[in-house]
Every structure is written in C-alpha cells, then in structure tokens.
Amino acid sequence: MSYLIWLSRVALLGLAATGASAILLFSTGAKEESDSNQVIALTQENIQTWKSRVDQPPTPIIQPSSQKQSGEEKKVPERYFDLNQSLNLNASLFATHTSLGMVAIGVAEGNYRLFIENSTLYLEQTAGYFGHTDPGNLSWGEVVTNFGPCSDQGRSRGNIAKAEQMCSQRALGGLSRQLLDLNTAGIDPNADLEALLNTADLYNQARLIHSRKFPEALVLARQGGKTGVEAIAWARTASFYINEYKEFDLQQGENKASGLIGICARENLQITEWQCVYKDQLRRAQAIASVLDKYRQISVN
C-alpha cells in the first residue's frame, strides 16, 4: 500500500470527531483523578463518502539545479515542492483534537492512551488531560498547568474544550514552516509522516528553534547510519544543541533543554545532559511510532 493511500485511509480515523464517522463515548468507570475521562472508539462504520487529501498522488517533478562539486558545476536532481499541495495533504492531521497528528502529540505527552480492542481503535483521555503541572517549567520555578492533548502552557485556563481547540489551532499554525523546513533539509514531508509528526511534537514541547533544527539533525543522523526511532530520538536530542549564533551545533552548541535537565537534576539521575534529554526524546519518539503502528494495524483490517 502506498504512503498516500495509507495516509488517506488513516485520515478517516483522525477525522472521526468531525462527524464523518461514528464516535462512541463510553465512561471508563470510577476514577479517582477525574470522572470525566472518556474512551473514544474511532471507527470507519457509517462512512458513506470521503476524499483523500489529494485527488491523485502527486507526481514527482524533477528540476535540475546547479551544484559545484570539486570545482566543477554539476546538474543534480531537485525535488519539486508545492507548499499548498503539501498543506492540503497534511492539514487534516491536526484538524481536530482526535486527528492523527494530535493523537500522536497527546500520546507523546502522556495525555492520551491509544489501544486496539476487538479490531477497534480506542482513544482514552488520561488524568493528565484534565490538568497536570508541567514538570519542565518547574526547572525555572514556574508553576504551569497543562490541559488537553498538548502542552498548552495554561493558555486554556482549564477550559477543556478550549484547550482542545487551541492545541489543534497551534499545531496547524506551525505546519507550513515545518513542511518547508523538512523539505529544505532534504526530507519529503509528504512521504515521511513520522518525521513530520516528530517535528510537530517538538514544536509542541519546546521552543520554535528546536523544531526548526530537527530536520537538519535528522538528515545528519541518517547520513551517519542511524535509522527509525533511533535516528529520530538522536535528532530530537541534537536539536537542543544551539550555539551563540542560534545555529545547530553539536561541537560548540549549548544544550538548551533546561526544563528536561532540571527534571533529571531533581530526580538525582547520575547521567550526562545528552543522556537526560535523549531519555525523554526516545520515549516521545517511541510513543509516536506506537501510534503509527496502531493506525497501520487498523487501516489494513
């Protein structure tokens, strides 16, 4: 199954909350943390019509560009990139708080739990969905309560519906830049869904500069022989090393993940700064990979 066909199919699951598919809400039973926790069954039942994000898979258009190698100018192939087309393909990932992209971010945050039961994909809101203190902000003495699927930094003031909307809107607001940054680094955002979702999650988790440097770091990781989640976790960690000129720099750059480093210090973990940040970034990368794996399982049933 091609990436675009698979992506179009799983988009149905992500758009379940819009009414295109059936949503069943179940009480999860008594919970000490909250009585509002829900399990959402995302199904493809009752879907009559739907469209893929693009009517037809985009045709790769190769344009020559000049590049100097060993003093000689050489024509090398360059992938054509249409930002509007890419936005049309990927915007549905973050259309609602139960869209695939937001589910990935929510699972990485620990605010969603995704599981399969009886060939049905279920999405559960954890206790953290309804409010939890951001541990990273505590590193500089700031008490912030996050609500909803993302790290909303208290912007919703505890209004869950508003938190869901704001998380989705913020993710969509950063999408254009993420698509461009990935393409500029040499990663096709329309073909590498995992890279795109990890870029979006870094944008949710940390300052803008780190999600912008992640594509460059990911290319470096893959060129060095790393693959899969290992490459992504390495690149996510490396993206926090920024020098005085705000450049990605593993040699002279400083690890800017002060929130995560503060957490490790409070927990008295005897590890290096790299190990501290990598530990968290690997967990998040694995969480996103697990979401994609579950969507793949459902899409072929």
Foldseek 3Di string as FASTA:
>chain_A
DALQVLLQLLLQQQCQVVVLHDWDWDFPDDDPLDRPKIKIWRDRPPRDDDDALDNDPDDWDWDWDWDDDPNDTDTDTATDDDLVSVCSRPLSCLPFCSRVLNLLLLLLVVQWDWDDDPLIIMIIGDSLQQWDWDQLVVLVPDTFIAHHSFRPRCPVVRPNVVNRVVLSVVLSVCLSLLCVLLSVLPHHCSRCVLLSSLLSSLVRVDPNQLSSQLNNQLVVLVVVPDDDLRSNLRSSLQSQFAAPVRHRDPPHGDRNSSSQVSVCVVVVPPDDPSVSSSVSSSSSSVSSVVSVVSSVSSSVD
